[in-house]
């Protein structure tokens, strides 16, 4: 999370006033956004963004009707290895959005709400790579890591144990149904359900 001084400087430099809401506190304090990205690579410096999925959370409820699912037209061919992970082929994305359009829609959707995700650091790095180029600043939003919440609920500091932080392992342990193929929106939705369940549990049995 950026400091208040960094927030102020970024806001002062912001030329696209439509995104000024990213730095405001004018959102319901009980709302968050859970999001996930699909990319061409696991290295954010090399990866190209292919899709973004997001869903809002309010009052410990996942608002599945307030969702976002964006597909971005790639500039390069997608590798066979990448296609096996997210099932997105180049032909599937030919009608996708231009990158700047997708980023603009995503930023308006999240506003200044806190962001939730699974290994969120990667997804935030992907978004930041582009908005730094387009707008000249990084996401100012608070970030909440679901795997960290799960670890804290599962671990005993007096009797440390191994905690399996794999996505499917957390789903199973929390008794959350898998929603079929892993795509950006389904992953965001499942992660949002993880977050809500974790927030309402004091401790998880080991």
N, C-alpha and C. Protein backbone atom coordinates (compact mmCIF):
# COMPACT_ATOMS: atom_id res chain seq x y z
N UNK A 1 0.86 -1.19 0.00
CA UNK A 1 0.00 0.00 0.00
C UNK A 1 0.89 1.24 0.00
N UNK A 2 0.58 2.17 -0.91
CA UNK A 2 1.42 3.36 -1.00
C UNK A 2 1.16 4.27 0.17
N UNK A 3 2.14 5.11 0.51
CA UNK A 3 2.00 6.04 1.62
C UNK A 3 1.06 7.17 1.25
N UNK A 4 0.63 7.94 2.25
CA UNK A 4 -0.25 9.07 2.01
C UNK A 4 0.41 10.12 1.12
N UNK A 5 1.72 10.32 1.32
CA UNK A 5 2.45 11.29 0.49
C UNK A 5 2.48 10.82 -0.96
N UNK A 6 2.74 9.52 -1.17
CA UNK A 6 2.75 8.99 -2.53
C UNK A 6 1.37 9.10 -3.17
N UNK A 7 0.33 8.83 -2.37
CA UNK A 7 -1.04 8.98 -2.89
C UNK A 7 -1.29 10.40 -3.35
N UNK A 8 -0.89 11.37 -2.50
CA UNK A 8 -1.12 12.78 -2.82
C UNK A 8 -0.39 13.17 -4.10
N UNK A 9 0.88 12.75 -4.21
CA UNK A 9 1.67 13.08 -5.39
C UNK A 9 1.06 12.47 -6.65
N UNK A 10 0.63 11.19 -6.54
CA UNK A 10 0.03 10.53 -7.69
C UNK A 10 -1.25 11.23 -8.11
N UNK A 11 -2.03 11.64 -7.12
CA UNK A 11 -3.30 12.31 -7.42
C UNK A 11 -3.05 13.65 -8.08
N UNK A 12 -2.05 14.38 -7.63
CA UNK A 12 -1.73 15.68 -8.21
C UNK A 12 -1.28 15.53 -9.65
N UNK A 13 -0.60 14.40 -9.95
CA UNK A 13 -0.07 14.20 -11.30
C UNK A 13 -1.10 13.58 -12.24
N UNK A 14 -2.25 13.20 -11.71
CA UNK A 14 -3.24 12.48 -12.49
C UNK A 14 -3.87 13.39 -13.53
N UNK A 15 -3.65 13.07 -14.81
CA UNK A 15 -4.21 13.88 -15.88
C UNK A 15 -5.58 13.36 -16.31
N UNK A 16 -5.84 12.06 -16.10
CA UNK A 16 -7.12 11.47 -16.46
C UNK A 16 -8.06 11.60 -15.25
N UNK A 17 -8.79 12.70 -15.15
CA UNK A 17 -9.59 12.98 -13.97
C UNK A 17 -10.67 11.94 -13.73
N UNK A 18 -11.02 11.18 -14.77
CA UNK A 18 -12.04 10.16 -14.60
C UNK A 18 -11.60 9.09 -13.60
N UNK A 19 -10.29 8.96 -13.39
CA UNK A 19 -9.77 7.95 -12.47
C UNK A 19 -9.45 8.53 -11.09
N UNK A 20 -9.89 9.76 -10.84
CA UNK A 20 -9.63 10.39 -9.55
C UNK A 20 -10.27 9.61 -8.40
N UNK A 21 -11.31 8.83 -8.70
CA UNK A 21 -11.99 8.04 -7.66
C UNK A 21 -11.07 6.99 -7.06
N UNK A 22 -9.99 6.63 -7.74
CA UNK A 22 -9.03 5.67 -7.19
C UNK A 22 -8.41 6.19 -5.90
N UNK A 23 -8.34 7.50 -5.76
CA UNK A 23 -7.67 8.09 -4.61
C UNK A 23 -8.66 8.66 -3.59
N UNK A 24 -9.94 8.53 -3.85
CA UNK A 24 -10.93 9.07 -2.93
C UNK A 24 -11.35 7.99 -1.93
N UNK A 25 -12.07 8.41 -0.91
CA UNK A 25 -12.64 7.47 0.05
C UNK A 25 -14.15 7.40 -0.11
N UNK A 26 -14.63 7.75 -1.29
CA UNK A 26 -16.07 7.81 -1.52
C UNK A 26 -16.58 6.47 -2.04
N UNK A 27 -16.43 5.45 -1.24
CA UNK A 27 -17.00 4.14 -1.56
C UNK A 27 -17.49 3.55 -0.25
N UNK A 28 -18.48 2.65 -0.30
CA UNK A 28 -18.96 2.04 0.94
C UNK A 28 -17.83 1.32 1.66
N UNK A 29 -17.67 1.58 2.94
CA UNK A 29 -16.54 1.02 3.69
C UNK A 29 -16.62 -0.49 3.82
N UNK A 30 -17.78 -1.07 3.53
CA UNK A 30 -17.91 -2.53 3.64
C UNK A 30 -17.81 -3.21 2.27
N UNK A 31 -17.34 -2.49 1.24
CA UNK A 31 -17.20 -3.07 -0.09
C UNK A 31 -15.74 -3.31 -0.45
N UNK A 32 -15.49 -4.44 -1.11
CA UNK A 32 -14.18 -4.79 -1.63
C UNK A 32 -14.37 -5.33 -3.04
N UNK A 33 -13.26 -5.51 -3.74
CA UNK A 33 -13.29 -6.15 -5.06
C UNK A 33 -12.26 -7.27 -5.09
N UNK A 34 -12.71 -8.45 -5.47
CA UNK A 34 -11.79 -9.58 -5.65
C UNK A 34 -11.53 -9.72 -7.15
N UNK A 35 -10.26 -9.83 -7.55
CA UNK A 35 -9.99 -9.93 -8.99
C UNK A 35 -8.86 -10.91 -9.28
N UNK A 36 -8.82 -11.33 -10.54
CA UNK A 36 -7.81 -12.27 -11.01
C UNK A 36 -7.50 -11.96 -12.47
N UNK A 37 -6.28 -12.27 -12.88
CA UNK A 37 -5.87 -12.06 -14.27
C UNK A 37 -5.40 -13.36 -14.90
N UNK A 38 -5.61 -13.49 -16.19
CA UNK A 38 -4.99 -14.56 -16.97
C UNK A 38 -3.97 -13.91 -17.90
N UNK A 39 -2.80 -14.51 -17.99
CA UNK A 39 -1.70 -13.90 -18.72
C UNK A 39 -0.97 -14.94 -19.57
N UNK A 40 -0.03 -14.47 -20.37
CA UNK A 40 0.73 -15.37 -21.25
C UNK A 40 1.95 -15.97 -20.56
N UNK A 41 2.28 -15.48 -19.37
CA UNK A 41 3.51 -15.92 -18.69
C UNK A 41 3.35 -15.66 -17.20
N UNK A 42 4.17 -16.36 -16.40
CA UNK A 42 4.13 -16.17 -14.95
C UNK A 42 5.11 -15.10 -14.48
N UNK A 43 5.84 -14.53 -15.40
CA UNK A 43 6.74 -13.42 -15.09
C UNK A 43 6.06 -12.13 -15.54
N UNK A 44 5.65 -11.27 -14.58
CA UNK A 44 4.90 -10.07 -14.98
C UNK A 44 5.67 -9.14 -15.92
N UNK A 45 6.98 -9.21 -15.90
CA UNK A 45 7.77 -8.35 -16.80
C UNK A 45 7.66 -8.83 -18.25
N UNK A 46 7.47 -10.14 -18.43
CA UNK A 46 7.37 -10.70 -19.79
C UNK A 46 5.93 -10.94 -20.21
N UNK A 47 5.05 -11.11 -19.25
CA UNK A 47 3.68 -11.55 -19.52
C UNK A 47 2.86 -10.47 -20.22
N UNK A 48 1.89 -10.94 -20.98
CA UNK A 48 0.91 -10.06 -21.62
C UNK A 48 -0.45 -10.39 -21.01
N UNK A 49 -1.24 -9.39 -20.74
CA UNK A 49 -2.55 -9.56 -20.12
C UNK A 49 -3.56 -10.06 -21.14
N UNK A 50 -4.29 -11.14 -20.78
CA UNK A 50 -5.28 -11.72 -21.68
C UNK A 50 -6.70 -11.52 -21.18
N UNK A 51 -6.91 -11.61 -19.88
CA UNK A 51 -8.26 -11.42 -19.35
C UNK A 51 -8.21 -10.97 -17.89
N UNK A 52 -9.27 -10.30 -17.48
CA UNK A 52 -9.43 -9.84 -16.09
C UNK A 52 -10.83 -10.24 -15.64
N UNK A 53 -10.90 -10.86 -14.47
CA UNK A 53 -12.19 -11.18 -13.87
C UNK A 53 -12.27 -10.55 -12.50
N UNK A 54 -13.41 -9.99 -12.15
CA UNK A 54 -13.56 -9.33 -10.85
C UNK A 54 -15.00 -9.44 -10.36
N UNK A 55 -15.15 -9.40 -9.04
CA UNK A 55 -16.49 -9.44 -8.44
C UNK A 55 -16.45 -8.63 -7.14
N UNK A 56 -17.55 -7.97 -6.82
CA UNK A 56 -17.61 -7.16 -5.61
C UNK A 56 -18.07 -7.99 -4.41
N UNK A 57 -17.59 -7.59 -3.24
CA UNK A 57 -17.96 -8.21 -1.97
C UNK A 57 -18.52 -7.10 -1.09
N UNK A 58 -19.67 -7.36 -0.45
CA UNK A 58 -20.29 -6.35 0.42
C UNK A 58 -20.97 -7.05 1.60
N UNK A 59 -20.72 -6.53 2.80
CA UNK A 59 -21.35 -7.10 3.99
C UNK A 59 -21.15 -8.61 4.09
N UNK A 60 -19.93 -9.07 3.80
CA UNK A 60 -19.61 -10.49 3.86
C UNK A 60 -20.44 -11.32 2.89
N UNK A 61 -20.88 -10.70 1.82
CA UNK A 61 -21.58 -11.42 0.76
C UNK A 61 -20.89 -11.16 -0.58
N UNK A 62 -20.78 -12.21 -1.38
CA UNK A 62 -20.23 -12.07 -2.72
C UNK A 62 -21.35 -11.66 -3.66
N UNK A 63 -21.19 -10.51 -4.30
CA UNK A 63 -22.23 -9.98 -5.18
C UNK A 63 -21.97 -10.46 -6.61
N UNK A 64 -22.38 -11.69 -6.88
CA UNK A 64 -22.09 -12.30 -8.18
C UNK A 64 -22.70 -11.51 -9.34
N UNK A 65 -23.75 -10.74 -9.06
CA UNK A 65 -24.37 -9.93 -10.13
C UNK A 65 -23.53 -8.70 -10.47
N UNK A 66 -22.66 -8.28 -9.54
CA UNK A 66 -21.78 -7.13 -9.79
C UNK A 66 -20.40 -7.66 -10.15
N UNK A 67 -20.30 -8.09 -11.36
CA UNK A 67 -19.11 -8.78 -11.83
C UNK A 67 -18.50 -8.07 -13.03
N UNK A 68 -17.28 -8.42 -13.32
CA UNK A 68 -16.57 -7.87 -14.47
C UNK A 68 -15.78 -9.00 -15.12
N UNK A 69 -15.92 -9.13 -16.42
CA UNK A 69 -15.16 -10.14 -17.17
C UNK A 69 -14.71 -9.51 -18.47
N UNK A 70 -13.41 -9.28 -18.58
CA UNK A 70 -12.85 -8.59 -19.74
C UNK A 70 -11.85 -9.49 -20.47
N UNK A 71 -11.89 -9.44 -21.79
CA UNK A 71 -10.93 -10.18 -22.61
C UNK A 71 -10.17 -9.18 -23.46
N UNK A 72 -8.86 -9.34 -23.52
CA UNK A 72 -7.98 -8.38 -24.19
C UNK A 72 -7.35 -9.01 -25.42
N UNK A 73 -7.39 -8.29 -26.51
CA UNK A 73 -6.78 -8.77 -27.75
C UNK A 73 -5.26 -8.75 -27.61
N UNK A 74 -4.60 -9.92 -27.75
CA UNK A 74 -3.14 -9.98 -27.56
C UNK A 74 -2.37 -9.42 -28.75
N UNK A 75 -1.17 -8.96 -28.48
CA UNK A 75 -0.30 -8.44 -29.54
C UNK A 75 0.65 -9.51 -30.08
N UNK A 76 0.78 -10.61 -29.34
CA UNK A 76 1.67 -11.69 -29.74
C UNK A 76 0.92 -13.02 -29.68
N UNK A 77 1.47 -14.03 -30.32
CA UNK A 77 0.86 -15.35 -30.28
C UNK A 77 0.96 -15.94 -28.88
N UNK A 78 -0.06 -16.69 -28.49
CA UNK A 78 -0.10 -17.31 -27.16
C UNK A 78 0.53 -18.69 -27.26
N UNK A 79 1.43 -19.00 -26.34
CA UNK A 79 2.13 -20.28 -26.38
C UNK A 79 1.19 -21.43 -26.04
N UNK A 80 1.54 -22.62 -26.53
CA UNK A 80 0.75 -23.82 -26.24
C UNK A 80 0.69 -24.09 -24.74
N UNK A 81 1.80 -23.85 -24.05
CA UNK A 81 1.86 -24.06 -22.60
C UNK A 81 0.87 -23.15 -21.89
N UNK A 82 0.79 -21.91 -22.33
CA UNK A 82 -0.12 -20.94 -21.72
C UNK A 82 -1.58 -21.32 -21.98
N UNK A 83 -1.86 -21.80 -23.19
CA UNK A 83 -3.23 -22.17 -23.56
C UNK A 83 -3.73 -23.32 -22.69
N UNK A 84 -2.85 -24.25 -22.34
CA UNK A 84 -3.22 -25.39 -21.51
C UNK A 84 -3.68 -24.94 -20.12
N UNK A 85 -3.17 -23.81 -19.66
CA UNK A 85 -3.52 -23.31 -18.32
C UNK A 85 -4.88 -22.63 -18.33
N UNK A 86 -5.06 -21.65 -19.24
CA UNK A 86 -6.28 -20.83 -19.20
C UNK A 86 -7.25 -21.09 -20.34
N UNK A 87 -6.89 -21.97 -21.28
CA UNK A 87 -7.79 -22.35 -22.39
C UNK A 87 -8.17 -21.18 -23.28
N UNK A 88 -7.31 -20.16 -23.32
CA UNK A 88 -7.57 -19.01 -24.18
C UNK A 88 -6.64 -19.05 -25.38
N UNK A 89 -7.22 -19.22 -26.57
CA UNK A 89 -6.44 -19.23 -27.80
C UNK A 89 -6.47 -17.84 -28.44
N UNK A 90 -5.55 -17.63 -29.36
CA UNK A 90 -5.50 -16.33 -30.03
C UNK A 90 -6.82 -16.03 -30.72
N UNK A 91 -7.42 -17.05 -31.36
CA UNK A 91 -8.68 -16.82 -32.08
C UNK A 91 -9.83 -16.48 -31.12
N UNK A 92 -9.72 -16.93 -29.86
CA UNK A 92 -10.76 -16.63 -28.88
C UNK A 92 -10.75 -15.16 -28.48
N UNK A 93 -9.62 -14.50 -28.69
CA UNK A 93 -9.45 -13.13 -28.21
C UNK A 93 -9.40 -12.09 -29.32
N UNK A 94 -9.62 -12.53 -30.56
CA UNK A 94 -9.56 -11.60 -31.68
C UNK A 94 -10.58 -10.48 -31.57
N UNK A 95 -11.71 -10.77 -30.92
CA UNK A 95 -12.73 -9.74 -30.72
C UNK A 95 -12.63 -9.05 -29.38
N UNK A 96 -11.49 -9.24 -28.70
CA UNK A 96 -11.30 -8.66 -27.37
C UNK A 96 -11.08 -7.16 -27.40
N UNK A 97 -11.01 -6.58 -26.21
CA UNK A 97 -10.81 -5.14 -26.07
C UNK A 97 -9.37 -4.74 -26.32
N UNK A 98 -9.18 -3.49 -26.66
CA UNK A 98 -7.85 -2.92 -26.67
C UNK A 98 -7.39 -2.81 -25.21
N UNK A 99 -6.10 -2.92 -24.98
CA UNK A 99 -5.56 -2.93 -23.63
C UNK A 99 -5.97 -1.70 -22.82
N UNK A 100 -5.81 -0.52 -23.39
CA UNK A 100 -6.12 0.70 -22.64
C UNK A 100 -7.60 0.77 -22.28
N UNK A 101 -8.46 0.29 -23.17
CA UNK A 101 -9.89 0.28 -22.89
C UNK A 101 -10.20 -0.65 -21.72
N UNK A 102 -9.58 -1.84 -21.72
CA UNK A 102 -9.81 -2.81 -20.65
C UNK A 102 -9.34 -2.26 -19.31
N UNK A 103 -8.16 -1.63 -19.29
CA UNK A 103 -7.63 -1.07 -18.05
C UNK A 103 -8.55 0.03 -17.52
N UNK A 104 -9.06 0.87 -18.42
CA UNK A 104 -9.97 1.95 -18.01
C UNK A 104 -11.24 1.39 -17.38
N UNK A 105 -11.81 0.36 -17.98
CA UNK A 105 -13.03 -0.26 -17.45
C UNK A 105 -12.76 -0.88 -16.08
N UNK A 106 -11.62 -1.55 -15.95
CA UNK A 106 -11.26 -2.19 -14.69
C UNK A 106 -11.08 -1.16 -13.57
N UNK A 107 -10.38 -0.07 -13.86
CA UNK A 107 -10.14 0.95 -12.83
C UNK A 107 -11.43 1.62 -12.39
N UNK A 108 -12.34 1.84 -13.32
CA UNK A 108 -13.63 2.43 -12.93
C UNK A 108 -14.44 1.45 -12.09
N UNK A 109 -14.30 0.16 -12.35
CA UNK A 109 -15.03 -0.86 -11.59
C UNK A 109 -14.55 -0.94 -10.15
N UNK A 110 -13.23 -0.89 -9.95
CA UNK A 110 -12.70 -1.07 -8.59
C UNK A 110 -12.77 0.21 -7.77
N UNK A 111 -12.68 1.39 -8.41
CA UNK A 111 -12.64 2.63 -7.64
C UNK A 111 -11.51 2.58 -6.62
N UNK A 112 -11.80 3.04 -5.41
CA UNK A 112 -10.77 3.02 -4.36
C UNK A 112 -10.99 1.87 -3.37
N UNK A 113 -11.83 0.90 -3.75
CA UNK A 113 -12.12 -0.23 -2.86
C UNK A 113 -10.86 -1.08 -2.62
N UNK A 114 -10.74 -1.67 -1.44
CA UNK A 114 -9.65 -2.63 -1.21
C UNK A 114 -9.75 -3.79 -2.18
N UNK A 115 -8.60 -4.34 -2.55
CA UNK A 115 -8.54 -5.45 -3.51
C UNK A 115 -8.20 -6.75 -2.79
N UNK A 116 -8.90 -7.81 -3.17
CA UNK A 116 -8.70 -9.14 -2.60
C UNK A 116 -8.25 -10.06 -3.72
N UNK A 117 -7.36 -11.02 -3.39
CA UNK A 117 -6.95 -11.98 -4.41
C UNK A 117 -6.12 -13.10 -3.84
N UNK A 118 -5.86 -14.08 -4.70
CA UNK A 118 -5.00 -15.22 -4.37
C UNK A 118 -3.67 -15.00 -5.06
N UNK A 119 -2.60 -14.92 -4.29
CA UNK A 119 -1.30 -14.48 -4.80
C UNK A 119 -1.48 -13.19 -5.60
N UNK A 120 -2.09 -12.24 -4.92
CA UNK A 120 -2.50 -10.97 -5.51
C UNK A 120 -1.32 -10.14 -6.01
N UNK A 121 -0.15 -10.36 -5.43
CA UNK A 121 1.02 -9.58 -5.82
C UNK A 121 1.27 -9.66 -7.33
N UNK A 122 1.08 -10.85 -7.90
CA UNK A 122 1.29 -11.02 -9.34
C UNK A 122 0.27 -10.21 -10.14
N UNK A 123 -1.01 -10.34 -9.76
CA UNK A 123 -2.07 -9.65 -10.51
C UNK A 123 -1.92 -8.13 -10.42
N UNK A 124 -1.57 -7.65 -9.24
CA UNK A 124 -1.37 -6.21 -9.06
C UNK A 124 -0.16 -5.75 -9.90
N UNK A 125 0.89 -6.56 -9.93
CA UNK A 125 2.08 -6.22 -10.73
C UNK A 125 1.72 -6.12 -12.21
N UNK A 126 0.84 -7.01 -12.67
CA UNK A 126 0.41 -6.97 -14.07
C UNK A 126 -0.36 -5.68 -14.37
N UNK A 127 -1.30 -5.34 -13.51
CA UNK A 127 -2.08 -4.11 -13.73
C UNK A 127 -1.19 -2.89 -13.64
N UNK A 128 -0.29 -2.88 -12.64
CA UNK A 128 0.60 -1.73 -12.46
C UNK A 128 1.51 -1.53 -13.66
N UNK A 129 1.94 -2.62 -14.27
CA UNK A 129 2.83 -2.50 -15.44
C UNK A 129 2.19 -1.64 -16.52
N UNK A 130 0.90 -1.80 -16.69
CA UNK A 130 0.20 -1.07 -17.74
C UNK A 130 -0.24 0.32 -17.30
N UNK A 131 -0.77 0.44 -16.08
CA UNK A 131 -1.25 1.78 -15.70
C UNK A 131 -0.10 2.75 -15.48
N UNK A 132 1.09 2.23 -15.15
CA UNK A 132 2.25 3.12 -15.06
C UNK A 132 2.56 3.71 -16.42
N UNK A 133 2.42 2.87 -17.47
CA UNK A 133 2.68 3.33 -18.83
C UNK A 133 1.60 4.30 -19.30
N UNK A 134 0.36 3.98 -18.97
CA UNK A 134 -0.77 4.75 -19.48
C UNK A 134 -1.04 6.01 -18.66
N UNK A 135 -1.02 5.86 -17.31
CA UNK A 135 -1.43 6.94 -16.43
C UNK A 135 -0.31 7.50 -15.55
N UNK A 136 0.79 6.76 -15.44
CA UNK A 136 1.93 7.29 -14.70
C UNK A 136 1.91 7.04 -13.21
N UNK A 137 1.06 6.14 -12.72
CA UNK A 137 1.06 5.83 -11.29
C UNK A 137 0.69 4.37 -11.07
N UNK A 138 0.84 3.89 -9.83
CA UNK A 138 0.48 2.52 -9.46
C UNK A 138 -0.83 2.50 -8.71
N UNK A 139 -1.44 1.32 -8.62
CA UNK A 139 -2.69 1.19 -7.87
C UNK A 139 -2.49 1.64 -6.43
N UNK A 140 -3.32 2.56 -5.93
CA UNK A 140 -3.20 3.02 -4.55
C UNK A 140 -4.02 2.18 -3.57
N UNK A 141 -4.78 1.21 -4.08
CA UNK A 141 -5.73 0.46 -3.26
C UNK A 141 -5.04 -0.44 -2.23
N UNK A 142 -5.69 -0.59 -1.09
CA UNK A 142 -5.26 -1.58 -0.09
C UNK A 142 -5.40 -2.97 -0.71
N UNK A 143 -4.45 -3.86 -0.41
CA UNK A 143 -4.47 -5.22 -0.95
C UNK A 143 -4.57 -6.25 0.18
N UNK A 144 -5.43 -7.25 -0.02
CA UNK A 144 -5.65 -8.29 0.98
C UNK A 144 -5.38 -9.64 0.33
N UNK A 145 -4.41 -10.38 0.86
CA UNK A 145 -3.99 -11.66 0.31
C UNK A 145 -4.73 -12.81 1.00
N UNK A 146 -5.52 -13.55 0.23
CA UNK A 146 -6.33 -14.63 0.79
C UNK A 146 -5.47 -15.78 1.33
N UNK A 147 -4.39 -16.11 0.64
CA UNK A 147 -3.54 -17.19 1.14
C UNK A 147 -2.92 -16.82 2.48
N UNK A 148 -2.65 -15.54 2.68
CA UNK A 148 -2.12 -15.07 3.97
C UNK A 148 -3.15 -15.18 5.07
N UNK A 149 -4.41 -14.81 4.75
CA UNK A 149 -5.49 -14.96 5.72
C UNK A 149 -5.66 -16.43 6.12
N UNK A 150 -5.63 -17.29 5.12
CA UNK A 150 -5.79 -18.72 5.37
C UNK A 150 -4.66 -19.25 6.24
N UNK A 151 -3.44 -18.85 5.92
CA UNK A 151 -2.27 -19.30 6.70
C UNK A 151 -2.42 -18.89 8.17
N UNK A 152 -2.81 -17.64 8.39
CA UNK A 152 -2.94 -17.15 9.76
C UNK A 152 -4.02 -17.90 10.53
N UNK A 153 -5.11 -18.28 9.85
CA UNK A 153 -6.19 -19.01 10.51
C UNK A 153 -5.79 -20.46 10.79
N UNK A 154 -4.90 -20.98 9.96
CA UNK A 154 -4.56 -22.41 10.04
C UNK A 154 -3.36 -22.66 10.95
N UNK A 155 -2.46 -21.73 11.02
CA UNK A 155 -1.19 -21.93 11.72
C UNK A 155 -1.33 -21.71 13.22
N UNK A 156 -0.52 -22.44 13.96
CA UNK A 156 -0.42 -22.29 15.41
C UNK A 156 1.02 -21.89 15.73
N UNK A 157 1.22 -20.68 16.21
CA UNK A 157 2.58 -20.19 16.43
C UNK A 157 3.31 -21.00 17.50
N UNK A 158 2.55 -21.62 18.40
CA UNK A 158 3.18 -22.41 19.47
C UNK A 158 3.50 -23.83 19.02
N UNK A 159 2.84 -24.25 17.95
CA UNK A 159 3.08 -25.60 17.42
C UNK A 159 3.01 -25.55 15.90
N UNK A 160 4.03 -24.98 15.26
CA UNK A 160 3.99 -24.74 13.81
C UNK A 160 3.80 -26.03 13.00
N UNK A 161 3.00 -25.92 11.96
CA UNK A 161 2.75 -27.05 11.07
C UNK A 161 2.86 -26.58 9.62
N UNK A 162 2.99 -27.53 8.70
CA UNK A 162 2.98 -27.21 7.28
C UNK A 162 1.56 -26.84 6.87
N UNK A 163 1.43 -25.75 6.10
CA UNK A 163 0.12 -25.31 5.62
C UNK A 163 0.15 -25.33 4.09
N UNK A 164 -0.72 -26.13 3.50
CA UNK A 164 -0.81 -26.25 2.05
C UNK A 164 -1.55 -25.03 1.50
N UNK A 165 -0.84 -24.19 0.76
CA UNK A 165 -1.42 -22.95 0.26
C UNK A 165 -1.83 -23.02 -1.20
N UNK A 166 -1.86 -24.23 -1.76
CA UNK A 166 -2.33 -24.36 -3.14
C UNK A 166 -3.81 -23.98 -3.22
N UNK A 167 -4.18 -23.37 -4.33
CA UNK A 167 -5.55 -22.88 -4.53
C UNK A 167 -6.58 -23.98 -4.29
N UNK A 168 -6.41 -25.12 -4.96
CA UNK A 168 -7.38 -26.20 -4.85
C UNK A 168 -7.40 -26.79 -3.44
N UNK A 169 -6.26 -26.79 -2.76
CA UNK A 169 -6.20 -27.31 -1.39
C UNK A 169 -6.99 -26.42 -0.44
N UNK A 170 -6.88 -25.11 -0.61
CA UNK A 170 -7.63 -24.18 0.24
C UNK A 170 -9.13 -24.32 -0.03
N UNK A 171 -9.50 -24.42 -1.31
CA UNK A 171 -10.90 -24.61 -1.67
C UNK A 171 -11.49 -25.83 -0.95
N UNK A 172 -10.76 -26.95 -1.05
CA UNK A 172 -11.25 -28.19 -0.47
C UNK A 172 -11.36 -28.09 1.05
N UNK A 173 -10.35 -27.49 1.68
CA UNK A 173 -10.34 -27.40 3.13
C UNK A 173 -11.48 -26.51 3.65
N UNK A 174 -11.84 -25.50 2.87
CA UNK A 174 -12.91 -24.60 3.27
C UNK A 174 -14.28 -25.08 2.78
N UNK A 175 -14.29 -26.24 2.12
CA UNK A 175 -15.54 -26.83 1.61
C UNK A 175 -16.25 -25.89 0.64
N UNK A 176 -15.46 -25.25 -0.23
CA UNK A 176 -16.02 -24.38 -1.26
C UNK A 176 -16.00 -25.14 -2.58
N UNK A 177 -17.11 -25.19 -3.29
CA UNK A 177 -17.14 -25.98 -4.54
C UNK A 177 -16.27 -25.37 -5.62
N UNK A 178 -15.57 -26.23 -6.36
CA UNK A 178 -14.80 -25.78 -7.51
C UNK A 178 -15.76 -25.47 -8.65
N UNK A 179 -15.51 -24.39 -9.36
CA UNK A 179 -16.43 -23.93 -10.40
C UNK A 179 -15.96 -24.31 -11.80
N UNK A 180 -15.44 -25.50 -11.95
CA UNK A 180 -15.02 -25.94 -13.27
C UNK A 180 -13.67 -25.38 -13.66
N UNK A 181 -13.55 -24.99 -14.93
CA UNK A 181 -12.26 -24.57 -15.44
C UNK A 181 -11.76 -23.32 -14.73
N UNK A 182 -10.46 -23.20 -14.65
CA UNK A 182 -9.85 -22.01 -14.06
C UNK A 182 -9.79 -20.91 -15.12
N UNK A 183 -10.66 -19.92 -14.99
CA UNK A 183 -10.55 -18.72 -15.80
C UNK A 183 -10.57 -17.53 -14.85
N UNK A 184 -10.35 -16.33 -15.37
CA UNK A 184 -10.17 -15.17 -14.50
C UNK A 184 -11.39 -14.92 -13.63
N UNK A 185 -12.60 -14.97 -14.21
CA UNK A 185 -13.77 -14.68 -13.39
C UNK A 185 -14.06 -15.78 -12.37
N UNK A 186 -14.03 -17.04 -12.81
CA UNK A 186 -14.29 -18.14 -11.87
C UNK A 186 -13.29 -18.14 -10.72
N UNK A 187 -12.02 -17.87 -11.03
CA UNK A 187 -11.00 -17.82 -9.97
C UNK A 187 -11.28 -16.66 -9.02
N UNK A 188 -11.69 -15.51 -9.57
CA UNK A 188 -12.02 -14.37 -8.71
C UNK A 188 -13.22 -14.69 -7.82
N UNK A 189 -14.22 -15.36 -8.38
CA UNK A 189 -15.42 -15.71 -7.63
C UNK A 189 -15.10 -16.71 -6.51
N UNK A 190 -14.30 -17.74 -6.82
CA UNK A 190 -13.93 -18.71 -5.79
C UNK A 190 -13.07 -18.07 -4.71
N UNK A 191 -12.18 -17.17 -5.11
CA UNK A 191 -11.33 -16.49 -4.15
C UNK A 191 -12.17 -15.59 -3.24
N UNK A 192 -13.18 -14.94 -3.82
CA UNK A 192 -14.08 -14.10 -3.02
C UNK A 192 -14.82 -14.94 -1.98
N UNK A 193 -15.24 -16.14 -2.36
CA UNK A 193 -15.91 -17.04 -1.41
C UNK A 193 -14.95 -17.48 -0.30
N UNK A 194 -13.68 -17.72 -0.68
CA UNK A 194 -12.66 -18.03 0.34
C UNK A 194 -12.56 -16.90 1.35
N UNK A 195 -12.47 -15.67 0.83
CA UNK A 195 -12.30 -14.51 1.69
C UNK A 195 -13.45 -14.38 2.68
N UNK A 196 -14.68 -14.48 2.18
CA UNK A 196 -15.85 -14.33 3.05
C UNK A 196 -15.86 -15.41 4.12
N UNK A 197 -15.54 -16.64 3.74
CA UNK A 197 -15.55 -17.72 4.72
C UNK A 197 -14.46 -17.52 5.77
N UNK A 198 -13.29 -17.10 5.33
CA UNK A 198 -12.18 -16.88 6.26
C UNK A 198 -12.47 -15.73 7.23
N UNK A 199 -13.12 -14.68 6.74
CA UNK A 199 -13.43 -13.54 7.60
C UNK A 199 -14.43 -13.90 8.70
N UNK A 200 -15.19 -14.96 8.47
CA UNK A 200 -16.21 -15.35 9.44
C UNK A 200 -15.80 -16.55 10.27
N UNK A 201 -14.53 -16.96 10.19
CA UNK A 201 -14.03 -18.04 11.01
C UNK A 201 -12.90 -17.53 11.90
N UNK A 202 -12.93 -17.96 13.14
CA UNK A 202 -11.87 -17.55 14.06
C UNK A 202 -10.63 -18.40 13.87
N UNK A 203 -10.83 -19.69 13.64
CA UNK A 203 -9.69 -20.59 13.46
C UNK A 203 -10.15 -21.78 12.62
N UNK A 204 -9.24 -22.38 11.87
CA UNK A 204 -9.56 -23.54 11.06
C UNK A 204 -8.85 -24.76 11.63
N UNK A 205 -9.56 -25.86 11.70
CA UNK A 205 -8.95 -27.08 12.24
C UNK A 205 -7.80 -27.53 11.34
N UNK A 206 -6.74 -28.02 11.99
CA UNK A 206 -5.58 -28.50 11.23
C UNK A 206 -5.76 -29.95 10.89
